[in-house]
Protein backbone atom coordinates (compact mmCIF):
# COMPACT_ATOMS: atom_id res chain seq x y z
CA PRO A 1 -15.50 15.67 -16.57
CA ASN A 2 -12.79 15.39 -13.87
CA PRO A 3 -10.09 12.86 -14.84
CA ALA A 4 -7.16 11.82 -12.69
CA TYR A 5 -3.77 10.25 -13.11
CA GLN A 6 -4.14 7.20 -10.87
CA ILE A 7 -1.24 5.67 -8.93
CA THR A 8 -1.97 2.46 -7.02
CA VAL A 9 0.69 1.08 -4.66
CA LEU A 10 0.62 -2.19 -2.74
CA PHE A 11 2.48 -2.65 0.55
CA ASP A 12 3.00 -5.78 2.60
CA GLU A 13 2.19 -3.60 5.60
CA ILE A 14 1.80 0.16 6.07
CA VAL A 15 3.37 1.61 9.22
CA LEU A 16 2.31 5.18 9.95
CA GLY A 17 5.15 7.58 10.69
CA ASP A 18 7.70 5.31 8.99
CA VAL A 19 9.19 4.82 5.54
CA ASN A 20 7.00 2.39 3.61
CA ARG A 21 8.31 0.71 0.46
CA ALA A 22 5.81 -0.65 -2.02
CA THR A 23 6.00 -4.15 -3.45
CA GLN A 24 3.92 -3.30 -6.54
CA GLN A 25 2.76 -0.15 -8.34
CA THR A 26 0.53 0.61 -11.30
CA ASN A 27 0.01 3.94 -13.05
CA SER A 28 -3.33 4.09 -14.82
CA LEU A 29 -6.37 6.15 -15.73
CA GLY A 30 -8.44 7.51 -12.87
CA GLY A 31 -11.55 9.58 -12.29
CA LYS A 32 -15.08 8.25 -12.55
CA GLY A 33 -15.54 8.96 -16.25
CA GLN A 34 -12.28 7.27 -17.19
CA ASN A 35 -13.08 4.38 -14.84
CA PHE A 36 -16.43 4.02 -16.60
CA ALA A 37 -14.63 3.83 -19.95
CA VAL A 38 -12.12 1.24 -18.70
CA ALA A 39 -14.90 -0.94 -17.27
CA THR A 40 -16.88 -0.68 -20.51
CA LYS A 41 -13.87 -1.86 -22.50
CA GLN A 42 -13.25 -4.63 -19.99
CA PHE A 43 -16.85 -5.83 -20.28
CA LEU A 44 -17.39 -5.47 -24.03
CA GLY A 45 -13.84 -6.23 -25.14
CA THR A 46 -13.60 -3.06 -27.24
CA ALA A 47 -13.04 0.66 -26.72
CA ASP A 48 -15.38 1.62 -29.57
CA HIS A 49 -18.45 2.29 -27.43
CA VAL A 50 -17.22 5.31 -25.45
CA LEU A 51 -16.40 8.92 -26.26
CA LEU A 52 -14.74 10.78 -23.39
CA LEU A 53 -15.32 14.52 -23.06
CA GLN A 54 -12.67 15.75 -20.64
CA ILE A 55 -10.72 18.69 -19.27
CA LEU A 56 -6.96 18.08 -19.13
CA GLY A 57 -3.94 20.21 -18.35
CA GLY A 58 -0.23 20.08 -17.57
CA PRO A 59 2.09 17.06 -17.67
CA THR A 60 -0.42 14.85 -15.88
CA GLY A 61 -3.01 15.70 -18.50
CA ASP A 62 -0.54 14.62 -21.19
CA GLN A 63 0.07 11.34 -19.34
CA ILE A 64 -3.67 10.68 -19.08
CA GLN A 65 -4.19 11.29 -22.79
CA ALA A 66 -1.26 8.97 -23.61
CA LEU A 67 -2.85 6.23 -21.50
CA GLU A 68 -6.16 6.76 -23.30
CA ASP A 69 -4.37 6.39 -26.61
CA GLN A 70 -2.88 3.12 -25.40
CA GLN A 71 -6.36 1.89 -24.48
CA GLY A 72 -7.76 2.99 -27.83
CA PHE A 73 -10.37 5.36 -26.40
CA SER A 74 -11.94 8.14 -28.42
CA TYR A 75 -11.89 11.47 -26.64
CA GLN A 76 -12.48 15.16 -27.05
CA THR A 77 -10.24 17.25 -24.84
CA VAL A 78 -10.66 20.79 -23.60
CA ARG A 79 -7.26 22.06 -22.47
CA SER A 80 -6.70 23.91 -19.22
CA GLN A 81 -3.58 25.71 -18.02
CA LEU A 82 -3.88 23.88 -14.70
CA PRO A 83 -2.34 20.42 -14.21
CA THR A 84 -4.85 17.59 -13.91
CA ARG A 85 -5.04 16.05 -10.44
CA THR A 86 -3.21 12.91 -9.31
CA CYS A 87 -4.89 10.32 -7.09
CA THR A 88 -2.95 7.77 -5.06
CA THR A 89 -4.36 4.54 -3.64
CA CYS A 90 -2.41 2.77 -0.90
CA LEU A 91 -3.23 -0.90 -0.28
CA ASP A 92 -2.14 -2.70 2.89
CA ALA A 93 -1.98 -6.45 2.26
CA ARG A 94 -1.71 -7.30 5.96
CA SER A 95 -4.74 -5.35 7.21
CA GLY A 96 -6.70 -5.40 3.94
CA GLU A 97 -7.26 -1.66 4.22
CA MET A 98 -7.39 0.78 1.29
CA THR A 99 -6.48 4.45 1.68
CA GLU A 100 -7.25 6.87 -1.14
CA MET A 101 -5.51 10.24 -1.39
CA VAL A 102 -7.08 12.64 -3.89
CA GLY A 103 -4.90 15.40 -5.25
CA VAL A 104 -5.88 19.02 -5.77
CA SER A 105 -8.08 20.02 -8.70
CA GLY A 106 -7.45 23.68 -9.48
CA THR A 107 -10.27 26.02 -10.48
CA ILE A 108 -10.65 26.09 -14.26
CA ASP A 109 -11.01 29.38 -16.14
CA ALA A 110 -14.42 30.61 -17.23
CA ALA A 111 -13.31 30.25 -20.85
CA VAL A 112 -12.60 26.54 -20.27
CA GLU A 113 -16.08 26.04 -18.81
CA VAL A 114 -17.65 27.76 -21.83
CA GLU A 115 -15.61 25.67 -24.27
CA TYR A 116 -16.47 22.45 -22.43
CA ALA A 117 -20.19 23.25 -22.41
CA GLN A 118 -20.21 24.08 -26.11
CA ALA A 119 -18.33 20.89 -26.96
CA ALA A 120 -20.84 18.82 -24.99
CA ILE A 121 -23.83 20.53 -26.61
CA ASP A 122 -22.32 20.05 -30.07
CA ILE A 123 -21.97 16.32 -29.43
CA LEU A 124 -25.52 16.00 -28.11
CA GLN A 125 -26.99 17.99 -31.00
CA ASN A 126 -24.87 17.00 -33.99
CA ASP A 127 -23.99 13.38 -33.27
CA PRO A 128 -26.52 12.27 -30.64
CA PRO A 129 -25.25 9.36 -28.54
CA ARG A 130 -27.47 6.57 -27.27
CA ALA A 131 -26.63 7.67 -23.74
CA MET A 132 -24.81 10.39 -21.86
CA ALA A 133 -23.15 9.27 -18.63
CA LEU A 134 -22.33 12.07 -16.19
CA CYS A 135 -19.79 10.55 -13.83
CA GLY A 136 -18.18 12.03 -10.76
CA THR A 137 -17.34 15.37 -9.22
CA PHE A 138 -17.21 18.44 -11.42
CA PRO A 139 -13.81 20.15 -11.37
CA PRO A 140 -13.87 23.50 -9.56
CA GLY A 141 -15.11 26.14 -11.96
CA LEU A 142 -17.48 23.78 -13.78
CA CYS A 143 -20.78 24.28 -12.01
CA GLY A 144 -23.95 22.24 -11.75
CA GLU A 145 -25.95 24.91 -13.57
CA THR A 146 -23.69 24.52 -16.60
CA MET A 147 -24.09 20.73 -16.57
CA ALA A 148 -27.87 21.17 -16.30
CA ARG A 149 -27.85 23.48 -19.31
CA ILE A 150 -25.90 20.86 -21.26
CA ILE A 151 -28.33 18.08 -20.37
CA LEU A 152 -31.33 20.14 -21.43
CA GLN A 153 -29.86 20.24 -24.94
CA ARG A 154 -29.95 16.45 -25.38
CA ARG A 155 -32.15 14.82 -27.99
CA PRO A 156 -35.21 12.93 -26.65
CA ASP A 157 -33.74 9.54 -27.53
CA THR A 158 -30.48 10.11 -25.60
CA LEU A 159 -30.66 8.38 -22.21
CA ILE A 160 -29.22 10.42 -19.32
CA PHE A 161 -27.32 8.40 -16.70
CA VAL A 162 -25.94 10.20 -13.63
CA ASP A 163 -23.40 8.87 -11.14
CA ALA A 164 -22.49 12.03 -9.23
CA VAL A 165 -23.51 13.90 -6.09
CA LYS A 166 -21.56 17.14 -5.49
CA ASP A 167 -23.45 20.20 -6.82
CA ILE A 168 -25.85 17.79 -8.52
CA GLN A 169 -29.14 19.45 -7.51
CA PRO A 170 -29.31 21.70 -10.63
CA VAL A 171 -28.83 18.59 -12.80
CA LEU A 172 -31.54 16.65 -10.98
CA ALA A 173 -33.83 19.70 -11.11
CA THR A 174 -33.95 19.41 -14.90
CA ARG A 175 -36.33 16.48 -14.21
CA CYS A 176 -35.02 14.63 -17.23
CA ILE A 177 -32.65 12.16 -15.57
CA ASP A 178 -33.39 8.59 -16.64
CA ILE A 179 -31.11 6.77 -14.17
CA LEU A 180 -29.38 7.97 -11.01
CA LYS A 181 -26.82 5.57 -9.51
CA VAL A 182 -25.35 6.62 -6.15
CA ASN A 183 -24.08 4.98 -3.00
CA SER A 184 -25.83 4.98 0.36
CA THR A 185 -23.91 7.97 1.74
CA GLU A 186 -24.52 9.98 -1.41
CA VAL A 187 -28.29 9.41 -1.48
CA LEU A 188 -28.48 10.69 2.09
CA SER A 189 -26.31 13.68 1.20
CA ILE A 190 -28.74 14.71 -1.52
CA LEU A 191 -31.82 14.07 0.61
CA SER A 192 -30.41 15.98 3.60
CA SER A 193 -30.49 19.14 1.50
CA LEU A 194 -34.20 18.57 0.86
CA ASP A 195 -35.48 17.19 4.15
CA MET A 196 -34.09 17.83 7.64
CA GLN A 197 -34.99 14.31 8.81
CA TYR A 198 -32.08 12.95 6.75
CA GLN A 199 -29.47 15.30 8.20
CA ALA A 200 -26.76 13.61 10.30
CA LYS A 201 -28.19 10.22 9.40
CA ARG A 202 -26.05 7.20 8.54
CA PRO A 203 -27.08 4.57 5.99
CA ALA A 204 -27.79 2.10 8.80
CA ASP A 205 -30.28 4.58 10.31
CA VAL A 206 -32.63 4.80 7.33
CA ASP A 207 -34.64 2.66 4.95
CA LEU A 208 -32.48 2.97 1.83
CA ALA A 209 -35.20 1.59 -0.42
CA GLN A 210 -37.58 4.30 0.74
CA ALA A 211 -34.81 6.88 0.43
CA ALA A 212 -34.33 5.88 -3.22
CA VAL A 213 -38.06 6.17 -3.87
CA THR A 214 -38.30 9.55 -2.13
CA LEU A 215 -35.40 10.97 -4.12
CA GLY A 216 -36.71 9.60 -7.39
CA ARG A 217 -40.18 11.01 -6.90
CA HIS A 218 -38.92 14.42 -5.86
CA PHE A 219 -36.90 14.89 -9.05
CA ASN A 220 -38.97 12.71 -11.39
CA ILE A 221 -36.03 10.34 -11.97
CA GLY A 222 -36.87 7.22 -13.94
CA VAL A 223 -34.76 4.77 -11.90
CA VAL A 224 -32.70 5.25 -8.73
CA ALA A 225 -30.05 2.64 -7.90
CA VAL A 226 -28.36 2.72 -4.49
CA THR A 227 -25.30 0.68 -3.58
CA ASP A 228 -23.99 0.17 -0.04
CA GLY A 229 -20.62 -1.52 -0.38
CA PRO A 230 -20.95 -5.21 0.56
CA GLU A 231 -24.40 -4.63 2.05
CA THR A 232 -27.80 -4.85 0.36
CA ALA A 233 -28.27 -2.66 -2.72
CA TYR A 234 -31.62 -1.25 -3.89
CA LEU A 235 -33.23 -0.36 -7.20
CA ALA A 236 -36.34 1.81 -7.37
CA ASP A 237 -38.18 2.05 -10.70
CA ILE A 238 -40.15 5.20 -10.04
CA ARG A 239 -42.29 5.09 -13.16
CA LYS A 240 -43.39 1.50 -12.54
CA ASN A 241 -43.63 2.00 -8.77
CA ASP A 242 -41.44 -1.07 -8.17
CA CYS A 243 -38.51 -1.61 -5.83
CA TRP A 244 -36.02 -4.48 -5.44
CA ALA A 245 -33.34 -5.47 -2.93
CA PHE A 246 -30.09 -7.17 -3.99
CA GLN A 247 -28.22 -9.29 -1.45
CA LEU A 248 -24.53 -9.76 -2.25
CA PRO A 249 -22.28 -12.72 -1.37
CA ASP A 250 -19.35 -12.50 1.05
CA LEU A 251 -16.31 -11.90 -1.18
CA LEU A 252 -13.63 -12.48 1.43
CA ALA A 253 -15.08 -15.84 2.42
CA GLN A 254 -14.85 -17.04 -1.18
CA ARG A 255 -11.87 -15.14 -2.53
CA THR A 256 -9.79 -18.17 -3.49
CA GLU A 257 -12.74 -19.79 -5.24
CA LEU A 258 -13.63 -16.63 -7.17
CA VAL A 259 -10.30 -15.47 -8.59
CA ASP A 260 -7.83 -17.17 -10.90
CA LYS A 261 -4.22 -17.90 -10.05
CA ALA A 262 -3.02 -14.57 -11.47
CA ASN A 263 -4.78 -12.68 -8.68
CA ALA A 264 -4.71 -15.28 -5.92
CA HIS A 265 -1.38 -14.09 -4.48
CA TYR A 266 -2.67 -10.74 -3.21
CA GLY A 267 -3.75 -12.14 0.14
CA GLN A 268 -7.00 -13.21 1.73
CA LEU A 269 -7.88 -9.86 3.28
CA LEU A 270 -7.18 -7.61 0.33
CA LEU A 271 -10.08 -6.03 -1.53
CA ASN A 272 -9.86 -2.77 -3.44
CA PRO A 273 -13.28 -1.13 -3.84
CA LEU A 274 -11.90 1.88 -5.72
CA GLY A 275 -13.71 2.09 -9.05
CA ALA A 276 -16.23 -0.59 -8.12
CA GLY A 277 -19.15 1.83 -8.37
CA ASP A 278 -17.95 2.99 -11.78
CA THR A 279 -17.71 -0.63 -12.91
CA CYS A 280 -21.29 -1.18 -11.78
CA SER A 281 -22.45 1.89 -13.70
CA ALA A 282 -20.65 0.88 -16.89
CA VAL A 283 -21.90 -2.70 -17.01
CA MET A 284 -25.42 -1.70 -15.96
CA LEU A 285 -25.76 1.00 -18.62
CA ASN A 286 -24.23 -1.02 -21.46
CA LEU A 287 -26.55 -3.94 -20.78
CA LEU A 288 -29.52 -1.61 -20.61
CA LEU A 289 -28.64 -0.06 -23.96
CA ASP A 290 -28.61 -3.56 -25.41
CA GLY A 291 -32.25 -4.00 -24.37
CA ASN A 292 -31.89 -6.00 -21.17
CA ASP A 293 -34.22 -5.75 -18.18
CA ILE A 294 -33.19 -3.02 -15.73
CA VAL A 295 -33.26 -5.37 -12.71
CA GLU A 296 -30.90 -7.84 -14.36
CA CYS A 297 -28.72 -4.98 -15.61
CA PHE A 298 -28.20 -3.76 -12.05
CA ALA A 299 -27.56 -7.29 -10.78
CA GLN A 300 -24.90 -7.81 -13.44
CA GLY A 301 -23.41 -4.42 -12.63
CA LEU A 302 -23.18 -5.33 -8.94
CA ALA A 303 -21.53 -8.64 -9.85
CA ALA A 304 -18.95 -6.88 -12.03
CA ALA A 305 -18.30 -4.31 -9.30
CA SER A 306 -17.76 -7.08 -6.76
CA ALA A 307 -15.43 -8.92 -9.13
CA SER A 308 -13.39 -5.73 -9.64
CA CYS A 309 -12.77 -5.55 -5.88
CA LEU A 310 -10.93 -8.88 -6.13
CA VAL A 311 -8.35 -7.44 -8.56
CA PRO A 312 -6.48 -4.85 -6.46
CA MET A 313 -4.84 -3.05 -9.37
CA PRO A 314 -5.52 -1.35 -11.71
CA ASN A 315 -9.03 0.06 -11.24
CA CYS A 316 -12.11 -1.44 -12.89
CA VAL A 317 -10.42 -4.62 -14.11
CA PHE A 318 -12.32 -7.81 -13.36
CA GLU A 319 -12.50 -11.44 -14.36
CA LYS A 320 -15.70 -12.28 -16.22
CA SER A 321 -15.67 -15.75 -14.72
CA ALA A 322 -15.66 -14.25 -11.23
CA MET A 323 -18.41 -11.84 -12.25
CA GLN A 324 -20.62 -14.74 -13.35
CA LYS A 325 -19.95 -16.75 -10.19
CA ILE A 326 -20.91 -13.73 -8.08
CA ARG A 327 -24.00 -13.02 -10.16
CA ASN A 328 -25.19 -16.59 -9.53
CA GLN A 329 -25.06 -15.87 -5.80
CA ILE A 330 -26.83 -12.50 -5.80
CA THR A 331 -30.39 -12.86 -4.54
CA ILE A 332 -33.08 -10.42 -5.65
CA ALA A 333 -36.26 -9.70 -3.71
CA LYS A 334 -39.09 -7.47 -4.84
CA LEU A 335 -40.20 -5.18 -2.02
C-alpha cells in the first residue's frame, strides 16, 4: 500500500563530504508492492497477473502511475493530497556497498484510509483474487487494525500472503494468514513484542528455524519463511510440523559465471539486495498458486532473489538463466 518513486544511482566511488557524480542512473517503480509486481512480470513474462491497490499523491504519484502504465500493470488508485515518497539507492562500485535513503511518507487523511479499505474489501468480495499479497510498511495513517479488517473480509479460497512487519500484529492476530515471509531481523522484531527473551537479540544469537516455528504457532500461520541475506534461510510449515533449511551459494565468488555480458561490467564486488526479498515473495507465491510444492517454491524464490542482486539496477530484474544456475546450487535440508 506504500509505493515509492525509486531512483538508483551508481558511482565509481562514493566519498563522504564531497561532490559525487554518478556514472549511471535509473528511475523506476519502488515500494514492496510495486517491486512484487515488477518481479512477477519478470518471472511470468506478463503483467496480467497482478492488480495493484495503491495510495498515490502529488507529482511523484503521477510519475509512478505513468511508469505502471509503461509496464502494463493494472491498478486501482486512491488519491491523496500528499506527494508519494521518493527512495534513493546509492551504489558504490569500488566498495560494493549499497546505501538506501527512504523519503518521507506523510500521514494520509482519515478519508483516504476509509476509501482505501472500502476499495480493498470491494475487490475481495466482488472479484475475489486467488491471493492477496500484503507487502511492506503501511503509510502513516493507514493502521494495522484497518488492514486486519480488510483481510477478514476475504473469501475462504483467497490465499493471504504477508511480507510486512511494522504494525503487523493486528494482521497476524486475525489468525488467517496463510504465508508470512520476513527476514531474520523482522522475525525477531515481531517476537520481541511477544517474548522478552528475543529483545535485543541479533539473528546470529537465536535459532531462526525455531523462531519461525514459534511465531507461526503463536498466530496460527500456515507457513513462515525467514530469509537472512546470503546466510541460511528457513521455511516452517506449521500445519505439517515440518521445517527446512536452505543453504545459498556464494554470489560474489561466482559473479562472472552467473551473469551475462550485459551485467558483467558492474564490477566484482557490486551486489544490490534492494528488492531481493520482494522478488523472492513474488516468485514463491506465483509458483505456489500454480500448484507447486511449497519447499520448491521457496527455493526458486530464493534463487530469483539472489539473481536479482546481480543486476544492480533497476530493482527486481533478474536473468532466468542465473536464477536456474543458483537454484541448482541451493541445498535443502529437512530439520
